[in-house]
Amino acid sequence: MVGYIVTFLVGVLCVALGISNMRGNISSLHSYHTHRVSEEDRIPFGKQVGLGTVLVGIGILLFSILSAVTLYTENDVFALVGTALLLIGIIVGLIISCKAMIKYNKGIF
């Protein structure tokens, strides 16, 4: 049960960081990104990277919740759906974040 709580908290942290990024605070990102993004691009960059981070966080949250439901119902379909949602959240979130990094930084690294 502790694993589900920790996973849930990681998801909450990702969502919180994503919302912070969406509001223009990109200080939680690697210094490479904060130095290479111009002042006028901070808000649109933060919104896109933040959206990607929020999607990853939501995927983690849904995974932890559905995995905990599986534990109590003994129905593995919840874990399967949770895993699928986790993968979708990670893939879509990373694609959105990487596209923003390429657009505003001219590269991921």
PDB file of N, CA and C in Angstrom:
ATOM      1  N   MET A   1       0.817  -1.200   0.000  1.00  0.00           N
ATOM      2  CA  MET A   1       0.000   0.000   0.000  1.00  0.00           C
ATOM      3  C   MET A   1       0.861   1.265   0.000  1.00  0.00           C
ATOM      4  N   VAL A   2       2.028   1.202   0.631  1.00  0.00           N
ATOM      5  CA  VAL A   2       2.921   2.358   0.677  1.00  0.00           C
ATOM      6  C   VAL A   2       3.354   2.745  -0.737  1.00  0.00           C
ATOM      7  N   GLY A   3       3.565   1.758  -1.586  1.00  0.00           N
ATOM      8  CA  GLY A   3       3.967   2.027  -2.965  1.00  0.00           C
ATOM      9  C   GLY A   3       2.929   2.836  -3.729  1.00  0.00           C
ATOM     10  N   TYR A   4       1.650   2.558  -3.485  1.00  0.00           N
ATOM     11  CA  TYR A   4       0.587   3.303  -4.156  1.00  0.00           C
ATOM     12  C   TYR A   4       0.555   4.748  -3.672  1.00  0.00           C
ATOM     13  N   ILE A   5       0.790   4.935  -2.382  1.00  0.00           N
ATOM     14  CA  ILE A   5       0.791   6.294  -1.814  1.00  0.00           C
ATOM     15  C   ILE A   5       1.959   7.091  -2.364  1.00  0.00           C
ATOM     16  N   VAL A   6       3.134   6.477  -2.418  1.00  0.00           N
ATOM     17  CA  VAL A   6       4.313   7.162  -2.957  1.00  0.00           C
ATOM     18  C   VAL A   6       4.098   7.501  -4.428  1.00  0.00           C
ATOM     19  N   THR A   7       3.576   6.571  -5.189  1.00  0.00           N
ATOM     20  CA  THR A   7       3.295   6.820  -6.603  1.00  0.00           C
ATOM     21  C   THR A   7       2.286   7.949  -6.762  1.00  0.00           C
ATOM     22  N   PHE A   8       1.259   7.939  -5.932  1.00  0.00           N
ATOM     23  CA  PHE A   8       0.257   8.999  -5.970  1.00  0.00           C
ATOM     24  C   PHE A   8       0.893  10.358  -5.681  1.00  0.00           C
ATOM     25  N   LEU A   9       1.763  10.407  -4.686  1.00  0.00           N
ATOM     26  CA  LEU A   9       2.422  11.664  -4.334  1.00  0.00           C
ATOM     27  C   LEU A   9       3.354  12.153  -5.439  1.00  0.00           C
ATOM     28  N   VAL A  10       4.007  11.232  -6.133  1.00  0.00           N
ATOM     29  CA  VAL A  10       4.847  11.622  -7.281  1.00  0.00           C
ATOM     30  C   VAL A  10       3.969  12.240  -8.363  1.00  0.00           C
ATOM     31  N   GLY A  11       2.803  11.660  -8.592  1.00  0.00           N
ATOM     32  CA  GLY A  11       1.865  12.217  -9.563  1.00  0.00           C
ATOM     33  C   GLY A  11       1.400  13.611  -9.163  1.00  0.00           C
ATOM     34  N   VAL A  12       1.092  13.796  -7.888  1.00  0.00           N
ATOM     35  CA  VAL A  12       0.671  15.112  -7.397  1.00  0.00           C
ATOM     36  C   VAL A  12       1.806  16.122  -7.588  1.00  0.00           C
ATOM     37  N   LEU A  13       3.034  15.714  -7.298  1.00  0.00           N
ATOM     38  CA  LEU A  13       4.187  16.596  -7.477  1.00  0.00           C
ATOM     39  C   LEU A  13       4.352  16.994  -8.943  1.00  0.00           C
ATOM     40  N   CYS A  14       4.207  16.034  -9.852  1.00  0.00           N
ATOM     41  CA  CYS A  14       4.314  16.344 -11.286  1.00  0.00           C
ATOM     42  C   CYS A  14       3.235  17.321 -11.726  1.00  0.00           C
ATOM     43  N   VAL A  15       2.013  17.117 -11.273  1.00  0.00           N
ATOM     44  CA  VAL A  15       0.920  18.027 -11.629  1.00  0.00           C
ATOM     45  C   VAL A  15       1.201  19.423 -11.070  1.00  0.00           C
ATOM     46  N   ALA A  16       1.660  19.498  -9.830  1.00  0.00           N
ATOM     47  CA  ALA A  16       1.951  20.802  -9.214  1.00  0.00           C
ATOM     48  C   ALA A  16       3.075  21.525  -9.957  1.00  0.00           C
ATOM     49  N   LEU A  17       4.138  20.796 -10.312  1.00  0.00           N
ATOM     50  CA  LEU A  17       5.237  21.415 -11.064  1.00  0.00           C
ATOM     51  C   LEU A  17       4.767  21.856 -12.446  1.00  0.00           C
ATOM     52  N   GLY A  18       3.932  21.053 -13.073  1.00  0.00           N
ATOM     53  CA  GLY A  18       3.399  21.411 -14.386  1.00  0.00           C
ATOM     54  C   GLY A  18       2.555  22.675 -14.331  1.00  0.00           C
ATOM     55  N   ILE A  19       1.725  22.793 -13.314  1.00  0.00           N
ATOM     56  CA  ILE A  19       0.910  24.000 -13.160  1.00  0.00           C
ATOM     57  C   ILE A  19       1.803  25.211 -12.919  1.00  0.00           C
ATOM     58  N   SER A  20       2.840  25.027 -12.121  1.00  0.00           N
ATOM     59  CA  SER A  20       3.794  26.116 -11.880  1.00  0.00           C
ATOM     60  C   SER A  20       4.466  26.543 -13.186  1.00  0.00           C
ATOM     61  N   ASN A  21       4.853  25.571 -14.000  1.00  0.00           N
ATOM     62  CA  ASN A  21       5.454  25.876 -15.307  1.00  0.00           C
ATOM     63  C   ASN A  21       4.469  26.593 -16.211  1.00  0.00           C
ATOM     64  N   MET A  22       3.224  26.180 -16.184  1.00  0.00           N
ATOM     65  CA  MET A  22       2.206  26.789 -17.037  1.00  0.00           C
ATOM     66  C   MET A  22       1.956  28.249 -16.669  1.00  0.00           C
ATOM     67  N   ARG A  23       2.252  28.603 -15.440  1.00  0.00           N
ATOM     68  CA  ARG A  23       2.090  29.992 -14.989  1.00  0.00           C
ATOM     69  C   ARG A  23       3.317  30.840 -15.292  1.00  0.00           C
ATOM     70  N   GLY A  24       4.305  30.252 -15.964  1.00  0.00           N
ATOM     71  CA  GLY A  24       5.484  31.005 -16.370  1.00  0.00           C
ATOM     72  C   GLY A  24       6.697  30.805 -15.500  1.00  0.00           C
ATOM     73  N   ASN A  25       6.572  30.049 -14.422  1.00  0.00           N
ATOM     74  CA  ASN A  25       7.706  29.780 -13.551  1.00  0.00           C
ATOM     75  C   ASN A  25       8.438  28.545 -14.078  1.00  0.00           C
ATOM     76  N   ILE A  26       9.493  28.758 -14.849  1.00  0.00           N
ATOM     77  CA  ILE A  26      10.223  27.631 -15.425  1.00  0.00           C
ATOM     78  C   ILE A  26      11.502  27.347 -14.647  1.00  0.00           C
ATOM     79  N   SER A  27      11.592  27.851 -13.425  1.00  0.00           N
ATOM     80  CA  SER A  27      12.800  27.641 -12.620  1.00  0.00           C
ATOM     81  C   SER A  27      12.985  26.180 -12.218  1.00  0.00           C
ATOM     82  N   SER A  28      11.928  25.375 -12.268  1.00  0.00           N
ATOM     83  CA  SER A  28      12.055  23.964 -11.919  1.00  0.00           C
ATOM     84  C   SER A  28      12.681  23.145 -13.049  1.00  0.00           C
ATOM     85  N   LEU A  29      12.821  23.754 -14.215  1.00  0.00           N
ATOM     86  CA  LEU A  29      13.431  23.066 -15.354  1.00  0.00           C
ATOM     87  C   LEU A  29      14.948  23.198 -15.291  1.00  0.00           C
ATOM     88  N   HIS A  30      15.619  22.411 -16.056  1.00  0.00           N
ATOM     89  CA  HIS A  30      17.080  22.450 -16.118  1.00  0.00           C
ATOM     90  C   HIS A  30      17.546  23.845 -16.517  1.00  0.00           C
ATOM     91  N   SER A  31      18.657  24.276 -15.975  1.00  0.00           N
ATOM     92  CA  SER A  31      19.149  25.631 -16.229  1.00  0.00           C
ATOM     93  C   SER A  31      19.371  25.893 -17.722  1.00  0.00           C
ATOM     94  N   TYR A  32      19.636  24.843 -18.478  1.00  0.00           N
ATOM     95  CA  TYR A  32      19.787  24.991 -19.923  1.00  0.00           C
ATOM     96  C   TYR A  32      18.548  25.635 -20.519  1.00  0.00           C
ATOM     97  N   HIS A  33      17.387  25.212 -20.081  1.00  0.00           N
ATOM     98  CA  HIS A  33      16.137  25.718 -20.632  1.00  0.00           C
ATOM     99  C   HIS A  33      15.840  27.132 -20.132  1.00  0.00           C
ATOM    100  N   THR A  34      16.183  27.419 -18.897  1.00  0.00           N
ATOM    101  CA  THR A  34      15.880  28.751 -18.380  1.00  0.00           C
ATOM    102  C   THR A  34      16.783  29.806 -19.001  1.00  0.00           C
ATOM    103  N   HIS A  35      17.997  29.453 -19.370  1.00  0.00           N
ATOM    104  CA  HIS A  35      18.922  30.419 -19.965  1.00  0.00           C
ATOM    105  C   HIS A  35      18.686  30.617 -21.463  1.00  0.00           C
ATOM    106  N   ARG A  36      18.214  29.606 -22.135  1.00  0.00           N
ATOM    107  CA  ARG A  36      18.076  29.688 -23.591  1.00  0.00           C
ATOM    108  C   ARG A  36      16.715  30.201 -24.057  1.00  0.00           C
ATOM    109  N   VAL A  37      15.749  30.275 -23.169  1.00  0.00           N
ATOM    110  CA  VAL A  37      14.423  30.759 -23.549  1.00  0.00           C
ATOM    111  C   VAL A  37      14.386  32.266 -23.332  1.00  0.00           C
ATOM    112  N   SER A  38      13.980  32.995 -24.357  1.00  0.00           N
ATOM    113  CA  SER A  38      13.911  34.451 -24.231  1.00  0.00           C
ATOM    114  C   SER A  38      12.789  34.835 -23.269  1.00  0.00           C
ATOM    115  N   GLU A  39      12.877  36.027 -22.766  1.00  0.00           N
ATOM    116  CA  GLU A  39      11.900  36.511 -21.784  1.00  0.00           C
ATOM    117  C   GLU A  39      10.477  36.494 -22.341  1.00  0.00           C
ATOM    118  N   GLU A  40      10.304  36.876 -23.603  1.00  0.00           N
ATOM    119  CA  GLU A  40       8.958  36.891 -24.183  1.00  0.00           C
ATOM    120  C   GLU A  40       8.425  35.492 -24.492  1.00  0.00           C
ATOM    121  N   ASP A  41       9.312  34.501 -24.566  1.00  0.00           N
ATOM    122  CA  ASP A  41       8.888  33.124 -24.833  1.00  0.00           C
ATOM    123  C   ASP A  41       8.689  32.297 -23.565  1.00  0.00           C
ATOM    124  N   ARG A  42       8.976  32.852 -22.403  1.00  0.00           N
ATOM    125  CA  ARG A  42       8.854  32.094 -21.151  1.00  0.00           C
ATOM    126  C   ARG A  42       7.436  31.585 -20.916  1.00  0.00           C
ATOM    127  N   ILE A  43       6.447  32.434 -21.134  1.00  0.00           N
ATOM    128  CA  ILE A  43       5.054  32.039 -20.874  1.00  0.00           C
ATOM    129  C   ILE A  43       4.604  30.942 -21.833  1.00  0.00           C
ATOM    130  N   PRO A  44       4.756  31.112 -23.165  1.00  0.00           N
ATOM    131  CA  PRO A  44       4.310  30.026 -24.049  1.00  0.00           C
ATOM    132  C   PRO A  44       5.123  28.739 -23.855  1.00  0.00           C
ATOM    133  N   PHE A  45       6.428  28.888 -23.605  1.00  0.00           N
ATOM    134  CA  PHE A  45       7.264  27.713 -23.353  1.00  0.00           C
ATOM    135  C   PHE A  45       6.807  27.017 -22.075  1.00  0.00           C
ATOM    136  N   GLY A  46       6.606  27.778 -21.017  1.00  0.00           N
ATOM    137  CA  GLY A  46       6.160  27.208 -19.750  1.00  0.00           C
ATOM    138  C   GLY A  46       4.811  26.531 -19.859  1.00  0.00           C
ATOM    139  N   LYS A  47       3.900  27.120 -20.653  1.00  0.00           N
ATOM    140  CA  LYS A  47       2.579  26.515 -20.821  1.00  0.00           C
ATOM    141  C   LYS A  47       2.672  25.161 -21.506  1.00  0.00           C
ATOM    142  N   GLN A  48       3.504  25.076 -22.533  1.00  0.00           N
ATOM    143  CA  GLN A  48       3.608  23.815 -23.267  1.00  0.00           C
ATOM    144  C   GLN A  48       4.341  22.748 -22.458  1.00  0.00           C
ATOM    145  N   VAL A  49       5.460  23.108 -21.862  1.00  0.00           N
ATOM    146  CA  VAL A  49       6.193  22.134 -21.039  1.00  0.00           C
ATOM    147  C   VAL A  49       5.358  21.756 -19.824  1.00  0.00           C
ATOM    148  N   GLY A  50       4.677  22.746 -19.242  1.00  0.00           N
ATOM    149  CA  GLY A  50       3.819  22.470 -18.092  1.00  0.00           C
ATOM    150  C   GLY A  50       2.678  21.536 -18.438  1.00  0.00           C
ATOM    151  N   LEU A  51       2.084  21.723 -19.612  1.00  0.00           N
ATOM    152  CA  LEU A  51       1.014  20.828 -20.044  1.00  0.00           C
ATOM    153  C   LEU A  51       1.529  19.395 -20.160  1.00  0.00           C
ATOM    154  N   GLY A  52       2.710  19.243 -20.746  1.00  0.00           N
ATOM    155  CA  GLY A  52       3.305  17.911 -20.844  1.00  0.00           C
ATOM    156  C   GLY A  52       3.551  17.299 -19.477  1.00  0.00           C
ATOM    157  N   THR A  53       4.033  18.102 -18.542  1.00  0.00           N
ATOM    158  CA  THR A  53       4.298  17.615 -17.190  1.00  0.00           C
ATOM    159  C   THR A  53       2.999  17.254 -16.475  1.00  0.00           C
ATOM    160  N   VAL A  54       1.966  18.061 -16.663  1.00  0.00           N
ATOM    161  CA  VAL A  54       0.665  17.767 -16.056  1.00  0.00           C
ATOM    162  C   VAL A  54       0.113  16.449 -16.603  1.00  0.00           C
ATOM    163  N   LEU A  55       0.249  16.221 -17.898  1.00  0.00           N
ATOM    164  CA  LEU A  55      -0.245  14.968 -18.491  1.00  0.00           C
ATOM    165  C   LEU A  55       0.501  13.755 -17.937  1.00  0.00           C
ATOM    166  N   VAL A  56       1.795  13.884 -17.762  1.00  0.00           N
ATOM    167  CA  VAL A  56       2.566  12.796 -17.150  1.00  0.00           C
ATOM    168  C   VAL A  56       2.071  12.571 -15.716  1.00  0.00           C
ATOM    169  N   GLY A  57       1.878  13.653 -14.981  1.00  0.00           N
ATOM    170  CA  GLY A  57       1.405  13.540 -13.604  1.00  0.00           C
ATOM    171  C   GLY A  57       0.026  12.906 -13.507  1.00  0.00           C
ATOM    172  N   ILE A  58      -0.869  13.278 -14.412  1.00  0.00           N
ATOM    173  CA  ILE A  58      -2.205  12.686 -14.413  1.00  0.00           C
ATOM    174  C   ILE A  58      -2.125  11.194 -14.720  1.00  0.00           C
ATOM    175  N   GLY A  59      -1.260  10.825 -15.655  1.00  0.00           N
ATOM    176  CA  GLY A  59      -1.067   9.405 -15.947  1.00  0.00           C
ATOM    177  C   GLY A  59      -0.591   8.638 -14.724  1.00  0.00           C
ATOM    178  N   ILE A  60       0.337   9.226 -13.981  1.00  0.00           N
ATOM    179  CA  ILE A  60       0.845   8.584 -12.762  1.00  0.00           C
ATOM    180  C   ILE A  60      -0.258   8.487 -11.711  1.00  0.00           C
ATOM    181  N   LEU A  61      -1.020   9.563 -11.540  1.00  0.00           N
ATOM    182  CA  LEU A  61      -2.126   9.551 -10.572  1.00  0.00           C
ATOM    183  C   LEU A  61      -3.149   8.463 -10.900  1.00  0.00           C
ATOM    184  N   LEU A  62      -3.564   8.409 -12.159  1.00  0.00           N
ATOM    185  CA  LEU A  62      -4.553   7.410 -12.557  1.00  0.00           C
ATOM    186  C   LEU A  62      -4.021   5.993 -12.379  1.00  0.00           C
ATOM    187  N   PHE A  63      -2.740   5.806 -12.700  1.00  0.00           N
ATOM    188  CA  PHE A  63      -2.128   4.494 -12.516  1.00  0.00           C
ATOM    189  C   PHE A  63      -2.156   4.081 -11.051  1.00  0.00           C
ATOM    190  N   SER A  64      -1.775   5.000 -10.162  1.00  0.00           N
ATOM    191  CA  SER A  64      -1.729   4.643  -8.744  1.00  0.00           C
ATOM    192  C   SER A  64      -3.125   4.358  -8.194  1.00  0.00           C
ATOM    193  N   ILE A  65      -4.096   5.155  -8.604  1.00  0.00           N
ATOM    194  CA  ILE A  65      -5.461   4.950  -8.124  1.00  0.00           C
ATOM    195  C   ILE A  65      -6.014   3.622  -8.627  1.00  0.00           C
ATOM    196  N   LEU A  66      -5.853   3.357  -9.920  1.00  0.00           N
ATOM    197  CA  LEU A  66      -6.403   2.114 -10.480  1.00  0.00           C
ATOM    198  C   LEU A  66      -5.644   0.885  -9.989  1.00  0.00           C
ATOM    199  N   SER A  67      -4.368   1.034  -9.701  1.00  0.00           N
ATOM    200  CA  SER A  67      -3.620  -0.093  -9.134  1.00  0.00           C
ATOM    201  C   SER A  67      -4.102  -0.397  -7.718  1.00  0.00           C
ATOM    202  N   ALA A  68      -4.399   0.642  -6.947  1.00  0.00           N
ATOM    203  CA  ALA A  68      -4.936   0.433  -5.602  1.00  0.00           C
ATOM    204  C   ALA A  68      -6.320  -0.209  -5.669  1.00  0.00           C
ATOM    205  N   VAL A  69      -7.129   0.201  -6.643  1.00  0.00           N
ATOM    206  CA  VAL A  69      -8.450  -0.418  -6.816  1.00  0.00           C
ATOM    207  C   VAL A  69      -8.291  -1.897  -7.137  1.00  0.00           C
ATOM    208  N   THR A  70      -7.301  -2.239  -7.940  1.00  0.00           N
ATOM    209  CA  THR A  70      -7.036  -3.641  -8.271  1.00  0.00           C
ATOM    210  C   THR A  70      -6.731  -4.448  -7.024  1.00  0.00           C
ATOM    211  N   LEU A  71      -5.990  -3.843  -6.112  1.00  0.00           N
ATOM    212  CA  LEU A  71      -5.629  -4.523  -4.866  1.00  0.00           C
ATOM    213  C   LEU A  71      -6.885  -4.892  -4.071  1.00  0.00           C
ATOM    214  N   TYR A  72      -7.866  -4.003  -4.054  1.00  0.00           N
ATOM    215  CA  TYR A  72      -9.059  -4.247  -3.249  1.00  0.00           C
ATOM    216  C   TYR A  72     -10.133  -5.049  -3.962  1.00  0.00           C
ATOM    217  N   THR A  73     -10.202  -4.948  -5.282  1.00  0.00           N
ATOM    218  CA  THR A  73     -11.250  -5.672  -6.014  1.00  0.00           C
ATOM    219  C   THR A  73     -10.754  -7.004  -6.565  1.00  0.00           C
ATOM    220  N   GLU A  74      -9.444  -7.173  -6.603  1.00  0.00           N
ATOM    221  CA  GLU A  74      -8.825  -8.370  -7.179  1.00  0.00           C
ATOM    222  C   GLU A  74      -9.219  -8.559  -8.644  1.00  0.00           C
ATOM    223  N   ASN A  75      -9.483  -7.452  -9.319  1.00  0.00           N
ATOM    224  CA  ASN A  75      -9.817  -7.472 -10.738  1.00  0.00           C
ATOM    225  C   ASN A  75      -8.664  -6.801 -11.483  1.00  0.00           C
ATOM    226  N   ASP A  76      -7.909  -7.588 -12.223  1.00  0.00           N
ATOM    227  CA  ASP A  76      -6.700  -7.096 -12.879  1.00  0.00           C
ATOM    228  C   ASP A  76      -6.963  -6.113 -14.010  1.00  0.00           C
ATOM    229  N   VAL A  77      -8.193  -5.977 -14.442  1.00  0.00           N
ATOM    230  CA  VAL A  77      -8.487  -5.056 -15.544  1.00  0.00           C
ATOM    231  C   VAL A  77      -8.165  -3.619 -15.140  1.00  0.00           C
ATOM    232  N   PHE A  78      -8.335  -3.286 -13.862  1.00  0.00           N
ATOM    233  CA  PHE A  78      -8.022  -1.929 -13.410  1.00  0.00           C
ATOM    234  C   PHE A  78      -6.530  -1.636 -13.544  1.00  0.00           C
ATOM    235  N   ALA A  79      -5.697  -2.604 -13.203  1.00  0.00           N
ATOM    236  CA  ALA A  79      -4.246  -2.424 -13.346  1.00  0.00           C
ATOM    237  C   ALA A  79      -3.863  -2.302 -14.814  1.00  0.00           C
ATOM    238  N   LEU A  80      -4.516  -3.052 -15.671  1.00  0.00           N
ATOM    239  CA  LEU A  80      -4.241  -2.984 -17.106  1.00  0.00           C
ATOM    240  C   LEU A  80      -4.625  -1.616 -17.669  1.00  0.00           C
ATOM    241  N   VAL A  81      -5.796  -1.128 -17.304  1.00  0.00           N
ATOM    242  CA  VAL A  81      -6.243   0.192 -17.761  1.00  0.00           C
ATOM    243  C   VAL A  81      -5.316   1.275 -17.191  1.00  0.00           C
ATOM    244  N   GLY A  82      -4.946   1.143 -15.917  1.00  0.00           N
ATOM    245  CA  GLY A  82      -4.038   2.107 -15.293  1.00  0.00           C
ATOM    246  C   GLY A  82      -2.691   2.149 -15.980  1.00  0.00           C
ATOM    247  N   THR A  83      -2.172   0.991 -16.334  1.00  0.00           N
ATOM    248  CA  THR A  83      -0.889   0.931 -17.040  1.00  0.00           C
ATOM    249  C   THR A  83      -0.996   1.578 -18.415  1.00  0.00           C
ATOM    250  N   ALA A  84      -2.088   1.327 -19.113  1.00  0.00           N
ATOM    251  CA  ALA A  84      -2.290   1.941 -20.435  1.00  0.00           C
ATOM    252  C   ALA A  84      -2.376   3.460 -20.318  1.00  0.00           C
ATOM    253  N   LEU A  85      -3.109   3.950 -19.313  1.00  0.00           N
ATOM    254  CA  LEU A  85      -3.223   5.393 -19.115  1.00  0.00           C
ATOM    255  C   LEU A  85      -1.886   6.014 -18.718  1.00  0.00           C
ATOM    256  N   LEU A  86      -1.111   5.299 -17.933  1.00  0.00           N
ATOM    257  CA  LEU A  86       0.228   5.773 -17.563  1.00  0.00           C
ATOM    258  C   LEU A  86       1.101   5.917 -18.802  1.00  0.00           C
ATOM    259  N   LEU A  87       1.118   4.909 -19.640  1.00  0.00           N
ATOM    260  CA  LEU A  87       1.939   4.964 -20.857  1.00  0.00           C
ATOM    261  C   LEU A  87       1.482   6.072 -21.792  1.00  0.00           C
ATOM    262  N   ILE A  88       0.178   6.217 -21.941  1.00  0.00           N
ATOM    263  CA  ILE A  88      -0.345   7.286 -22.797  1.00  0.00           C
ATOM    264  C   ILE A  88       0.048   8.649 -22.241  1.00  0.00           C
ATOM    265  N   GLY A  89      -0.106   8.843 -20.932  1.00  0.00           N
ATOM    266  CA  GLY A  89       0.248  10.110 -20.305  1.00  0.00           C
ATOM    267  C   GLY A  89       1.718  10.445 -20.466  1.00  0.00           C
ATOM    268  N   ILE A  90       2.574   9.454 -20.263  1.00  0.00           N
ATOM    269  CA  ILE A  90       4.013   9.676 -20.401  1.00  0.00           C
ATOM    270  C   ILE A  90       4.379   9.995 -21.852  1.00  0.00           C
ATOM    271  N   ILE A  91       3.880   9.207 -22.784  1.00  0.00           N
ATOM    272  CA  ILE A  91       4.237   9.405 -24.192  1.00  0.00           C
ATOM    273  C   ILE A  91       3.735  10.748 -24.704  1.00  0.00           C
ATOM    274  N   VAL A  92       2.463  11.051 -24.477  1.00  0.00           N
ATOM    275  CA  VAL A  92       1.898  12.316 -24.970  1.00  0.00           C
ATOM    276  C   VAL A  92       2.558  13.503 -24.259  1.00  0.00           C
ATOM    277  N   GLY A  93       2.749  13.385 -22.945  1.00  0.00           N
ATOM    278  CA  GLY A  93       3.381  14.463 -22.196  1.00  0.00           C
ATOM    279  C   GLY A  93       4.798  14.744 -22.653  1.00  0.00           C
ATOM    280  N   LEU A  94       5.571  13.693 -22.886  1.00  0.00           N
ATOM    281  CA  LEU A  94       6.943  13.882 -23.361  1.00  0.00           C
ATOM    282  C   LEU A  94       6.980  14.468 -24.768  1.00  0.00           C
ATOM    283  N   ILE A  95       6.075  14.044 -25.617  1.00  0.00           N
ATOM    284  CA  ILE A  95       6.032  14.597 -26.984  1.00  0.00           C
ATOM    285  C   ILE A  95       5.744  16.096 -26.935  1.00  0.00           C
ATOM    286  N   ILE A  96       4.762  16.498 -26.139  1.00  0.00           N
ATOM    287  CA  ILE A  96       4.426  17.925 -26.027  1.00  0.00           C
ATOM    288  C   ILE A  96       5.606  18.707 -25.464  1.00  0.00           C
ATOM    289  N   SER A  97       6.220  18.196 -24.405  1.00  0.00           N
ATOM    290  CA  SER A  97       7.359  18.891 -23.789  1.00  0.00           C
ATOM    291  C   SER A  97       8.547  18.972 -24.740  1.00  0.00           C
ATOM    292  N   CYS A  98       8.853  17.884 -25.415  1.00  0.00           N
ATOM    293  CA  CYS A  98       9.997  17.875 -26.336  1.00  0.00           C
ATOM    294  C   CYS A  98       9.766  18.816 -27.522  1.00  0.00           C
ATOM    295  N   LYS A  99       8.535  18.857 -28.029  1.00  0.00           N
ATOM    296  CA  LYS A  99       8.238  19.784 -29.130  1.00  0.00           C
ATOM    297  C   LYS A  99       8.444  21.227 -28.689  1.00  0.00           C
ATOM    298  N   ALA A 100       8.046  21.551 -27.465  1.00  0.00           N
ATOM    299  CA  ALA A 100       8.240  22.914 -26.957  1.00  0.00           C
ATOM    300  C   ALA A 100       9.727  23.215 -26.799  1.00  0.00           C
ATOM    301  N   MET A 101      10.491  22.248 -26.303  1.00  0.00           N
ATOM    302  CA  MET A 101      11.934  22.459 -26.130  1.00  0.00           C
ATOM    303  C   MET A 101      12.623  22.668 -27.473  1.00  0.00           C
ATOM    304  N   ILE A 102      12.218  21.900 -28.453  1.00  0.00           N
ATOM    305  CA  ILE A 102      12.814  22.053 -29.781  1.00  0.00           C
ATOM    306  C   ILE A 102      12.430  23.405 -30.379  1.00  0.00           C
ATOM    307  N   LYS A 103      11.188  23.814 -30.195  1.00  0.00           N
ATOM    308  CA  LYS A 103      10.721  25.076 -30.762  1.00  0.00           C
ATOM    309  C   LYS A 103      11.406  26.286 -30.114  1.00  0.00           C
ATOM    310  N   TYR A 104      11.485  26.302 -28.806  1.00  0.00           N
ATOM    311  CA  TYR A 104      11.996  27.490 -28.104  1.00  0.00           C
ATOM    312  C   TYR A 104      13.483  27.426 -27.774  1.00  0.00           C
ATOM    313  N   ASN A 105      14.076  26.236 -27.765  1.00  0.00           N
ATOM    314  CA  ASN A 105      15.501  26.089 -27.450  1.00  0.00           C
ATOM    315  C   ASN A 105      16.326  25.644 -28.638  1.00  0.00           C
ATOM    316  N   LYS A 106      15.667  25.313 -29.717  1.00  0.00           N
ATOM    317  CA  LYS A 106      16.328  24.764 -30.912  1.00  0.00           C
ATOM    318  C   LYS A 106      17.019  23.438 -30.592  1.00  0.00           C
ATOM    319  N   GLY A 107      16.496  22.716 -29.610  1.00  0.00           N
ATOM    320  CA  GLY A 107      17.035  21.417 -29.253  1.00  0.00           C
ATOM    321  C   GLY A 107      16.595  21.009 -27.861  1.00  0.00           C
ATOM    322  N   ILE A 108      16.717  19.718 -27.574  1.00  0.00           N
ATOM    323  CA  ILE A 108      16.316  19.200 -26.266  1.00  0.00           C
ATOM    324  C   ILE A 108      17.453  19.381 -25.259  1.00  0.00           C
ATOM    325  N   PHE A 109      18.683  19.292 -25.734  1.00  0.00           N
ATOM    326  CA  PHE A 109      19.839  19.421 -24.828  1.00  0.00           C
ATOM    327  C   PHE A 109      20.703  20.592 -25.216  1.00  0.00           C
TER     328      PHE A 109
END
